[in-house]
């Protein structure tokens, strides 16, 4: 069903309404830097006191605009924890 096809009297469902998708430049810069350094989405979220879903949507938006590049490990990154690359168990 296209957006235009539902009736105006039908109340739309708004996904993730309880999340905050407003970002200031300094937050975006920090997210981009941590993303490029290989931190996971969850580590980034913890560092900036945001919900991981908010960080994920920002990364998706930045990637669609070419402002961040896909990386090995995706959302998991390189396993960076506590400012250093985590040791991989054999």
PDB file of N, CA and C in Angstrom:
ATOM      1  N   UNK A   1       0.855  -1.171   0.000  1.00  0.00           N
ATOM      2  CA  UNK A   1       0.000   0.000   0.000  1.00  0.00           C
ATOM      3  C   UNK A   1       0.901   1.234   0.000  1.00  0.00           C
ATOM      4  N   UNK A   2       0.645   2.125  -0.944  1.00  0.00           N
ATOM      5  CA  UNK A   2       1.447   3.341  -0.998  1.00  0.00           C
ATOM      6  C   UNK A   2       0.976   4.319   0.066  1.00  0.00           C
ATOM      7  N   UNK A   3       1.821   5.249   0.376  1.00  0.00           N
ATOM      8  CA  UNK A   3       1.523   6.238   1.397  1.00  0.00           C
ATOM      9  C   UNK A   3       0.254   7.033   1.049  1.00  0.00           C
ATOM     10  N   UNK A   4       0.080   7.298  -0.239  1.00  0.00           N
ATOM     11  CA  UNK A   4      -1.066   8.095  -0.670  1.00  0.00           C
ATOM     12  C   UNK A   4      -2.376   7.326  -0.599  1.00  0.00           C
ATOM     13  N   UNK A   5      -2.310   5.992  -0.515  1.00  0.00           N
ATOM     14  CA  UNK A   5      -3.534   5.200  -0.621  1.00  0.00           C
ATOM     15  C   UNK A   5      -4.285   5.022   0.695  1.00  0.00           C
ATOM     16  N   UNK A   6      -3.652   5.276   1.838  1.00  0.00           N
ATOM     17  CA  UNK A   6      -4.422   5.113   3.064  1.00  0.00           C
ATOM     18  C   UNK A   6      -5.269   6.348   3.311  1.00  0.00           C
ATOM     19  N   UNK A   7      -6.353   6.138   3.992  1.00  0.00           N
ATOM     20  CA  UNK A   7      -7.304   7.235   4.203  1.00  0.00           C
ATOM     21  C   UNK A   7      -6.777   8.216   5.246  1.00  0.00           C
ATOM     22  N   UNK A   8      -7.105   9.473   5.057  1.00  0.00           N
ATOM     23  CA  UNK A   8      -6.658  10.506   5.983  1.00  0.00           C
ATOM     24  C   UNK A   8      -7.235  10.312   7.381  1.00  0.00           C
ATOM     25  N   UNK A   9      -8.316   9.570   7.497  1.00  0.00           N
ATOM     26  CA  UNK A   9      -8.927   9.340   8.798  1.00  0.00           C
ATOM     27  C   UNK A   9      -8.208   8.248   9.578  1.00  0.00           C
ATOM     28  N   UNK A  10      -7.360   7.480   8.901  1.00  0.00           N
ATOM     29  CA  UNK A  10      -6.629   6.407   9.560  1.00  0.00           C
ATOM     30  C   UNK A  10      -5.405   6.984  10.256  1.00  0.00           C
ATOM     31  N   UNK A  11      -5.258   6.684  11.546  1.00  0.00           N
ATOM     32  CA  UNK A  11      -4.122   7.196  12.305  1.00  0.00           C
ATOM     33  C   UNK A  11      -2.887   6.360  11.970  1.00  0.00           C
ATOM     34  N   UNK A  12      -1.825   6.995  11.485  1.00  0.00           N
ATOM     35  CA  UNK A  12      -0.627   6.233  11.134  1.00  0.00           C
ATOM     36  C   UNK A  12       0.132   5.779  12.375  1.00  0.00           C
ATOM     37  N   UNK A  13       0.825   4.671  12.248  1.00  0.00           N
ATOM     38  CA  UNK A  13       1.716   4.187  13.286  1.00  0.00           C
ATOM     39  C   UNK A  13       3.077   4.841  13.052  1.00  0.00           C
ATOM     40  N   UNK A  14       3.645   5.427  14.077  1.00  0.00           N
ATOM     41  CA  UNK A  14       4.951   6.064  13.957  1.00  0.00           C
ATOM     42  C   UNK A  14       5.965   5.178  14.674  1.00  0.00           C
ATOM     43  N   UNK A  15       6.862   4.598  13.893  1.00  0.00           N
ATOM     44  CA  UNK A  15       7.867   3.697  14.435  1.00  0.00           C
ATOM     45  C   UNK A  15       8.908   4.457  15.248  1.00  0.00           C
ATOM     46  N   UNK A  16       9.346   3.866  16.317  1.00  0.00           N
ATOM     47  CA  UNK A  16      10.446   4.380  17.149  1.00  0.00           C
ATOM     48  C   UNK A  16      10.202   5.793  17.673  1.00  0.00           C
ATOM     49  N   UNK A  17       8.976   6.100  17.963  1.00  0.00           N
ATOM     50  CA  UNK A  17       8.653   7.457  18.414  1.00  0.00           C
ATOM     51  C   UNK A  17       9.342   7.805  19.733  1.00  0.00           C
ATOM     52  N   UNK A  18       9.691   6.796  20.504  1.00  0.00           N
ATOM     53  CA  UNK A  18      10.334   7.045  21.800  1.00  0.00           C
ATOM     54  C   UNK A  18      11.849   7.231  21.690  1.00  0.00           C
ATOM     55  N   UNK A  19      12.389   7.127  20.481  1.00  0.00           N
ATOM     56  CA  UNK A  19      13.816   7.333  20.280  1.00  0.00           C
ATOM     57  C   UNK A  19      14.104   8.768  19.842  1.00  0.00           C
ATOM     58  N   UNK A  20      15.335   9.191  20.049  1.00  0.00           N
ATOM     59  CA  UNK A  20      15.740  10.564  19.721  1.00  0.00           C
ATOM     60  C   UNK A  20      16.675  10.525  18.516  1.00  0.00           C
ATOM     61  N   UNK A  21      16.262  11.089  17.415  1.00  0.00           N
ATOM     62  CA  UNK A  21      17.079  11.106  16.208  1.00  0.00           C
ATOM     63  C   UNK A  21      17.655  12.493  15.923  1.00  0.00           C
ATOM     64  N   UNK A  22      17.652  13.374  16.915  1.00  0.00           N
ATOM     65  CA  UNK A  22      18.293  14.692  16.789  1.00  0.00           C
ATOM     66  C   UNK A  22      19.753  14.544  17.178  1.00  0.00           C
ATOM     67  N   UNK A  23      20.627  15.096  16.354  1.00  0.00           N
ATOM     68  CA  UNK A  23      22.062  15.003  16.592  1.00  0.00           C
ATOM     69  C   UNK A  23      22.709  16.368  16.416  1.00  0.00           C
ATOM     70  N   UNK A  24      23.667  16.690  17.289  1.00  0.00           N
ATOM     71  CA  UNK A  24      24.447  17.912  17.115  1.00  0.00           C
ATOM     72  C   UNK A  24      25.782  17.530  16.456  1.00  0.00           C
ATOM     73  N   UNK A  25      26.451  18.520  15.867  1.00  0.00           N
ATOM     74  CA  UNK A  25      27.676  18.262  15.097  1.00  0.00           C
ATOM     75  C   UNK A  25      28.738  17.518  15.900  1.00  0.00           C
ATOM     76  N   UNK A  26      28.916  17.891  17.159  1.00  0.00           N
ATOM     77  CA  UNK A  26      29.965  17.243  17.966  1.00  0.00           C
ATOM     78  C   UNK A  26      29.652  15.760  18.193  1.00  0.00           C
ATOM     79  N   UNK A  27      28.388  15.418  18.354  1.00  0.00           N
ATOM     80  CA  UNK A  27      28.006  14.008  18.511  1.00  0.00           C
ATOM     81  C   UNK A  27      28.259  13.241  17.217  1.00  0.00           C
ATOM     82  N   UNK A  28      27.883  13.839  16.097  1.00  0.00           N
ATOM     83  CA  UNK A  28      28.087  13.191  14.792  1.00  0.00           C
ATOM     84  C   UNK A  28      29.580  12.958  14.569  1.00  0.00           C
ATOM     85  N   UNK A  29      30.378  13.949  14.883  1.00  0.00           N
ATOM     86  CA  UNK A  29      31.827  13.829  14.717  1.00  0.00           C
ATOM     87  C   UNK A  29      32.378  12.698  15.574  1.00  0.00           C
ATOM     88  N   UNK A  30      31.931  12.609  16.819  1.00  0.00           N
ATOM     89  CA  UNK A  30      32.399  11.552  17.715  1.00  0.00           C
ATOM     90  C   UNK A  30      31.973  10.172  17.214  1.00  0.00           C
ATOM     91  N   UNK A  31      30.728  10.049  16.751  1.00  0.00           N
ATOM     92  CA  UNK A  31      30.239   8.779  16.214  1.00  0.00           C
ATOM     93  C   UNK A  31      31.073   8.371  14.999  1.00  0.00           C
ATOM     94  N   UNK A  32      31.306   9.316  14.077  1.00  0.00           N
ATOM     95  CA  UNK A  32      32.097   9.014  12.878  1.00  0.00           C
ATOM     96  C   UNK A  32      33.511   8.572  13.240  1.00  0.00           C
ATOM     97  N   UNK A  33      34.134   9.272  14.167  1.00  0.00           N
ATOM     98  CA  UNK A  33      35.493   8.928  14.588  1.00  0.00           C
ATOM     99  C   UNK A  33      35.536   7.530  15.193  1.00  0.00           C
ATOM    100  N   UNK A  34      34.615   7.245  16.097  1.00  0.00           N
ATOM    101  CA  UNK A  34      34.596   5.931  16.742  1.00  0.00           C
ATOM    102  C   UNK A  34      34.277   4.830  15.732  1.00  0.00           C
ATOM    103  N   UNK A  35      33.377   5.115  14.772  1.00  0.00           N
ATOM    104  CA  UNK A  35      33.048   4.154  13.722  1.00  0.00           C
ATOM    105  C   UNK A  35      34.309   3.828  12.917  1.00  0.00           C
ATOM    106  N   UNK A  36      35.045   4.865  12.522  1.00  0.00           N
ATOM    107  CA  UNK A  36      36.262   4.687  11.729  1.00  0.00           C
ATOM    108  C   UNK A  36      37.358   3.968  12.520  1.00  0.00           C
ATOM    109  N   UNK A  37      37.357   4.115  13.837  1.00  0.00           N
ATOM    110  CA  UNK A  37      38.341   3.438  14.684  1.00  0.00           C
ATOM    111  C   UNK A  37      37.971   1.978  14.948  1.00  0.00           C
ATOM    112  N   UNK A  38      36.766   1.574  14.558  1.00  0.00           N
ATOM    113  CA  UNK A  38      36.371   0.179  14.698  1.00  0.00           C
ATOM    114  C   UNK A  38      35.544  -0.163  15.911  1.00  0.00           C
ATOM    115  N   UNK A  39      35.075   0.830  16.652  1.00  0.00           N
ATOM    116  CA  UNK A  39      34.219   0.560  17.805  1.00  0.00           C
ATOM    117  C   UNK A  39      32.869   0.011  17.348  1.00  0.00           C
ATOM    118  N   UNK A  40      32.276  -0.843  18.153  1.00  0.00           N
ATOM    119  CA  UNK A  40      30.948  -1.385  17.835  1.00  0.00           C
ATOM    120  C   UNK A  40      29.884  -0.310  18.059  1.00  0.00           C
ATOM    121  N   UNK A  41      28.738  -0.512  17.460  1.00  0.00           N
ATOM    122  CA  UNK A  41      27.606   0.405  17.654  1.00  0.00           C
ATOM    123  C   UNK A  41      27.269   0.504  19.143  1.00  0.00           C
ATOM    124  N   UNK A  42      27.364  -0.599  19.870  1.00  0.00           N
ATOM    125  CA  UNK A  42      27.010  -0.623  21.288  1.00  0.00           C
ATOM    126  C   UNK A  42      28.027   0.153  22.116  1.00  0.00           C
ATOM    127  N   UNK A  43      29.312   0.028  21.772  1.00  0.00           N
ATOM    128  CA  UNK A  43      30.342   0.803  22.473  1.00  0.00           C
ATOM    129  C   UNK A  43      30.190   2.295  22.191  1.00  0.00           C
ATOM    130  N   UNK A  44      29.880   2.629  20.951  1.00  0.00           N
ATOM    131  CA  UNK A  44      29.663   4.036  20.592  1.00  0.00           C
ATOM    132  C   UNK A  44      28.480   4.587  21.389  1.00  0.00           C
ATOM    133  N   UNK A  45      27.391   3.844  21.419  1.00  0.00           N
ATOM    134  CA  UNK A  45      26.191   4.283  22.144  1.00  0.00           C
ATOM    135  C   UNK A  45      26.498   4.509  23.621  1.00  0.00           C
ATOM    136  N   UNK A  46      27.239   3.606  24.213  1.00  0.00           N
ATOM    137  CA  UNK A  46      27.590   3.751  25.628  1.00  0.00           C
ATOM    138  C   UNK A  46      28.462   4.987  25.846  1.00  0.00           C
ATOM    139  N   UNK A  47      29.407   5.220  24.954  1.00  0.00           N
ATOM    140  CA  UNK A  47      30.335   6.353  25.097  1.00  0.00           C
ATOM    141  C   UNK A  47      29.628   7.700  25.015  1.00  0.00           C
ATOM    142  N   UNK A  48      28.562   7.768  24.226  1.00  0.00           N
ATOM    143  CA  UNK A  48      27.871   9.053  24.058  1.00  0.00           C
ATOM    144  C   UNK A  48      26.514   9.081  24.753  1.00  0.00           C
ATOM    145  N   UNK A  49      26.240   8.052  25.559  1.00  0.00           N
ATOM    146  CA  UNK A  49      25.000   7.957  26.343  1.00  0.00           C
ATOM    147  C   UNK A  49      23.752   8.038  25.463  1.00  0.00           C
ATOM    148  N   UNK A  50      23.752   7.223  24.401  1.00  0.00           N
ATOM    149  CA  UNK A  50      22.593   7.152  23.505  1.00  0.00           C
ATOM    150  C   UNK A  50      22.166   5.702  23.344  1.00  0.00           C
ATOM    151  N   UNK A  51      20.948   5.505  22.878  1.00  0.00           N
ATOM    152  CA  UNK A  51      20.431   4.174  22.591  1.00  0.00           C
ATOM    153  C   UNK A  51      21.158   3.618  21.360  1.00  0.00           C
ATOM    154  N   UNK A  52      21.560   2.339  21.383  1.00  0.00           N
ATOM    155  CA  UNK A  52      22.227   1.761  20.212  1.00  0.00           C
ATOM    156  C   UNK A  52      21.397   1.864  18.929  1.00  0.00           C
ATOM    157  N   UNK A  53      20.079   1.826  19.040  1.00  0.00           N
ATOM    158  CA  UNK A  53      19.228   1.972  17.853  1.00  0.00           C
ATOM    159  C   UNK A  53      19.355   3.370  17.256  1.00  0.00           C
ATOM    160  N   UNK A  54      19.511   4.386  18.096  1.00  0.00           N
ATOM    161  CA  UNK A  54      19.705   5.752  17.602  1.00  0.00           C
ATOM    162  C   UNK A  54      21.019   5.859  16.843  1.00  0.00           C
ATOM    163  N   UNK A  55      22.067   5.254  17.402  1.00  0.00           N
ATOM    164  CA  UNK A  55      23.374   5.270  16.744  1.00  0.00           C
ATOM    165  C   UNK A  55      23.302   4.524  15.417  1.00  0.00           C
ATOM    166  N   UNK A  56      22.623   3.389  15.409  1.00  0.00           N
ATOM    167  CA  UNK A  56      22.488   2.593  14.186  1.00  0.00           C
ATOM    168  C   UNK A  56      21.808   3.389  13.084  1.00  0.00           C
ATOM    169  N   UNK A  57      20.728   4.074  13.412  1.00  0.00           N
ATOM    170  CA  UNK A  57      20.015   4.872  12.408  1.00  0.00           C
ATOM    171  C   UNK A  57      20.898   6.013  11.909  1.00  0.00           C
ATOM    172  N   UNK A  58      21.676   6.643  12.811  1.00  0.00           N
ATOM    173  CA  UNK A  58      22.598   7.690  12.368  1.00  0.00           C
ATOM    174  C   UNK A  58      23.629   7.119  11.397  1.00  0.00           C
ATOM    175  N   UNK A  59      24.204   5.968  11.722  1.00  0.00           N
ATOM    176  CA  UNK A  59      25.199   5.342  10.842  1.00  0.00           C
ATOM    177  C   UNK A  59      24.573   5.028   9.482  1.00  0.00           C
ATOM    178  N   UNK A  60      23.357   4.503   9.470  1.00  0.00           N
ATOM    179  CA  UNK A  60      22.663   4.219   8.207  1.00  0.00           C
ATOM    180  C   UNK A  60      22.505   5.504   7.404  1.00  0.00           C
ATOM    181  N   UNK A  61      22.063   6.573   8.060  1.00  0.00           N
ATOM    182  CA  UNK A  61      21.874   7.857   7.388  1.00  0.00           C
ATOM    183  C   UNK A  61      23.197   8.382   6.820  1.00  0.00           C
ATOM    184  N   UNK A  62      24.256   8.333   7.630  1.00  0.00           N
ATOM    185  CA  UNK A  62      25.557   8.813   7.170  1.00  0.00           C
ATOM    186  C   UNK A  62      26.086   7.972   6.011  1.00  0.00           C
ATOM    187  N   UNK A  63      25.864   6.662   6.063  1.00  0.00           N
ATOM    188  CA  UNK A  63      26.313   5.774   4.980  1.00  0.00           C
ATOM    189  C   UNK A  63      25.559   6.058   3.690  1.00  0.00           C
ATOM    190  N   UNK A  64      24.261   6.285   3.787  1.00  0.00           N
ATOM    191  CA  UNK A  64      23.456   6.589   2.589  1.00  0.00           C
ATOM    192  C   UNK A  64      23.915   7.878   1.929  1.00  0.00           C
ATOM    193  N   UNK A  65      24.465   8.790   2.735  1.00  0.00           N
ATOM    194  CA  UNK A  65      24.939  10.080   2.219  1.00  0.00           C
ATOM    195  C   UNK A  65      26.428  10.052   1.895  1.00  0.00           C
ATOM    196  N   UNK A  66      27.059   8.889   2.046  1.00  0.00           N
ATOM    197  CA  UNK A  66      28.475   8.755   1.732  1.00  0.00           C
ATOM    198  C   UNK A  66      29.414   9.373   2.749  1.00  0.00           C
ATOM    199  N   UNK A  67      28.934   9.632   3.955  1.00  0.00           N
ATOM    200  CA  UNK A  67      29.753  10.285   4.973  1.00  0.00           C
ATOM    201  C   UNK A  67      30.497   9.299   5.872  1.00  0.00           C
ATOM    202  N   UNK A  68      30.101   8.029   5.842  1.00  0.00           N
ATOM    203  CA  UNK A  68      30.883   6.942   6.443  1.00  0.00           C
ATOM    204  C   UNK A  68      30.876   5.802   5.439  1.00  0.00           C
ATOM    205  N   UNK A  69      31.895   4.974   5.523  1.00  0.00           N
ATOM    206  CA  UNK A  69      32.023   3.865   4.589  1.00  0.00           C
ATOM    207  C   UNK A  69      31.710   2.547   5.296  1.00  0.00           C
ATOM    208  N   UNK A  70      31.220   1.575   4.523  1.00  0.00           N
ATOM    209  CA  UNK A  70      31.049   0.242   5.127  1.00  0.00           C
ATOM    210  C   UNK A  70      32.408  -0.238   5.644  1.00  0.00           C
ATOM    211  N   UNK A  71      32.374  -1.093   6.645  1.00  0.00           N
ATOM    212  CA  UNK A  71      33.624  -1.568   7.231  1.00  0.00           C
ATOM    213  C   UNK A  71      33.534  -3.050   7.547  1.00  0.00           C
ATOM    214  N   UNK A  72      34.667  -3.654   7.655  1.00  0.00           N
ATOM    215  CA  UNK A  72      34.736  -5.049   8.061  1.00  0.00           C
ATOM    216  C   UNK A  72      34.151  -5.162   9.470  1.00  0.00           C
ATOM    217  N   UNK A  73      33.303  -6.124   9.681  1.00  0.00           N
ATOM    218  CA  UNK A  73      32.697  -6.299  10.999  1.00  0.00           C
ATOM    219  C   UNK A  73      31.370  -5.586  11.158  1.00  0.00           C
ATOM    220  N   UNK A  74      31.011  -4.713  10.214  1.00  0.00           N
ATOM    221  CA  UNK A  74      29.721  -4.018  10.270  1.00  0.00           C
ATOM    222  C   UNK A  74      29.483  -3.364  11.612  1.00  0.00           C
ATOM    223  N   UNK A  75      28.303  -3.575  12.189  1.00  0.00           N
ATOM    224  CA  UNK A  75      27.932  -2.975  13.470  1.00  0.00           C
ATOM    225  C   UNK A  75      28.854  -3.424  14.600  1.00  0.00           C
ATOM    226  N   UNK A  76      29.440  -4.618  14.453  1.00  0.00           N
ATOM    227  CA  UNK A  76      30.324  -5.144  15.495  1.00  0.00           C
ATOM    228  C   UNK A  76      31.719  -4.533  15.448  1.00  0.00           C
ATOM    229  N   UNK A  77      32.103  -3.965  14.322  1.00  0.00           N
ATOM    230  CA  UNK A  77      33.410  -3.348  14.189  1.00  0.00           C
ATOM    231  C   UNK A  77      34.533  -4.346  14.347  1.00  0.00           C
ATOM    232  N   UNK A  78      35.645  -3.879  14.872  1.00  0.00           N
ATOM    233  CA  UNK A  78      36.824  -4.728  15.059  1.00  0.00           C
ATOM    234  C   UNK A  78      36.890  -5.303  16.459  1.00  0.00           C
ATOM    235  N   UNK A  79      35.847  -5.148  17.233  1.00  0.00           N
ATOM    236  CA  UNK A  79      35.886  -5.662  18.596  1.00  0.00           C
ATOM    237  C   UNK A  79      36.647  -4.747  19.534  1.00  0.00           C
ATOM    238  N   UNK A  80      36.623  -3.446  19.249  1.00  0.00           N
ATOM    239  CA  UNK A  80      37.324  -2.474  20.086  1.00  0.00           C
ATOM    240  C   UNK A  80      36.544  -2.301  21.382  1.00  0.00           C
ATOM    241  N   UNK A  81      37.234  -2.433  22.504  1.00  0.00           N
ATOM    242  CA  UNK A  81      36.601  -2.269  23.812  1.00  0.00           C
ATOM    243  C   UNK A  81      37.542  -1.487  24.711  1.00  0.00           C
ATOM    244  N   UNK A  82      37.022  -0.537  25.422  1.00  0.00           N
ATOM    245  CA  UNK A  82      37.817   0.220  26.374  1.00  0.00           C
ATOM    246  C   UNK A  82      38.995   0.949  25.760  1.00  0.00           C
ATOM    247  N   UNK A  83      38.855   1.392  24.485  1.00  0.00           N
ATOM    248  CA  UNK A  83      39.900   2.172  23.844  1.00  0.00           C
ATOM    249  C   UNK A  83      40.998   1.365  23.202  1.00  0.00           C
ATOM    250  N   UNK A  84      40.868   0.021  23.161  1.00  0.00           N
ATOM    251  CA  UNK A  84      41.873  -0.799  22.489  1.00  0.00           C
ATOM    252  C   UNK A  84      41.182  -1.956  21.778  1.00  0.00           C
ATOM    253  N   UNK A  85      41.844  -2.506  20.810  1.00  0.00           N
ATOM    254  CA  UNK A  85      41.278  -3.637  20.084  1.00  0.00           C
ATOM    255  C   UNK A  85      41.296  -4.848  21.006  1.00  0.00           C
ATOM    256  N   UNK A  86      40.123  -5.477  21.157  1.00  0.00           N
ATOM    257  CA  UNK A  86      40.001  -6.643  22.036  1.00  0.00           C
ATOM    258  C   UNK A  86      40.779  -7.826  21.469  1.00  0.00           C
ATOM    259  N   UNK A  87      41.358  -8.614  22.357  1.00  0.00           N
ATOM    260  CA  UNK A  87      42.068  -9.826  21.938  1.00  0.00           C
ATOM    261  C   UNK A  87      41.054 -10.845  21.446  1.00  0.00           C
ATOM    262  N   UNK A  88      41.379 -11.503  20.345  1.00  0.00           N
ATOM    263  CA  UNK A  88      40.507 -12.537  19.799  1.00  0.00           C
ATOM    264  C   UNK A  88      40.922 -13.872  20.399  1.00  0.00           C
ATOM    265  N   UNK A  89      39.940 -14.633  20.910  1.00  0.00           N
ATOM    266  CA  UNK A  89      40.208 -15.966  21.458  1.00  0.00           C
ATOM    267  C   UNK A  89      40.392 -16.949  20.307  1.00  0.00           C
ATOM    268  N   UNK A  90      41.342 -17.869  20.449  1.00  0.00           N
ATOM    269  CA  UNK A  90      41.574 -18.885  19.424  1.00  0.00           C
ATOM    270  C   UNK A  90      40.595 -20.008  19.532  1.00  0.00           C
TER     271      UNK A  90
END
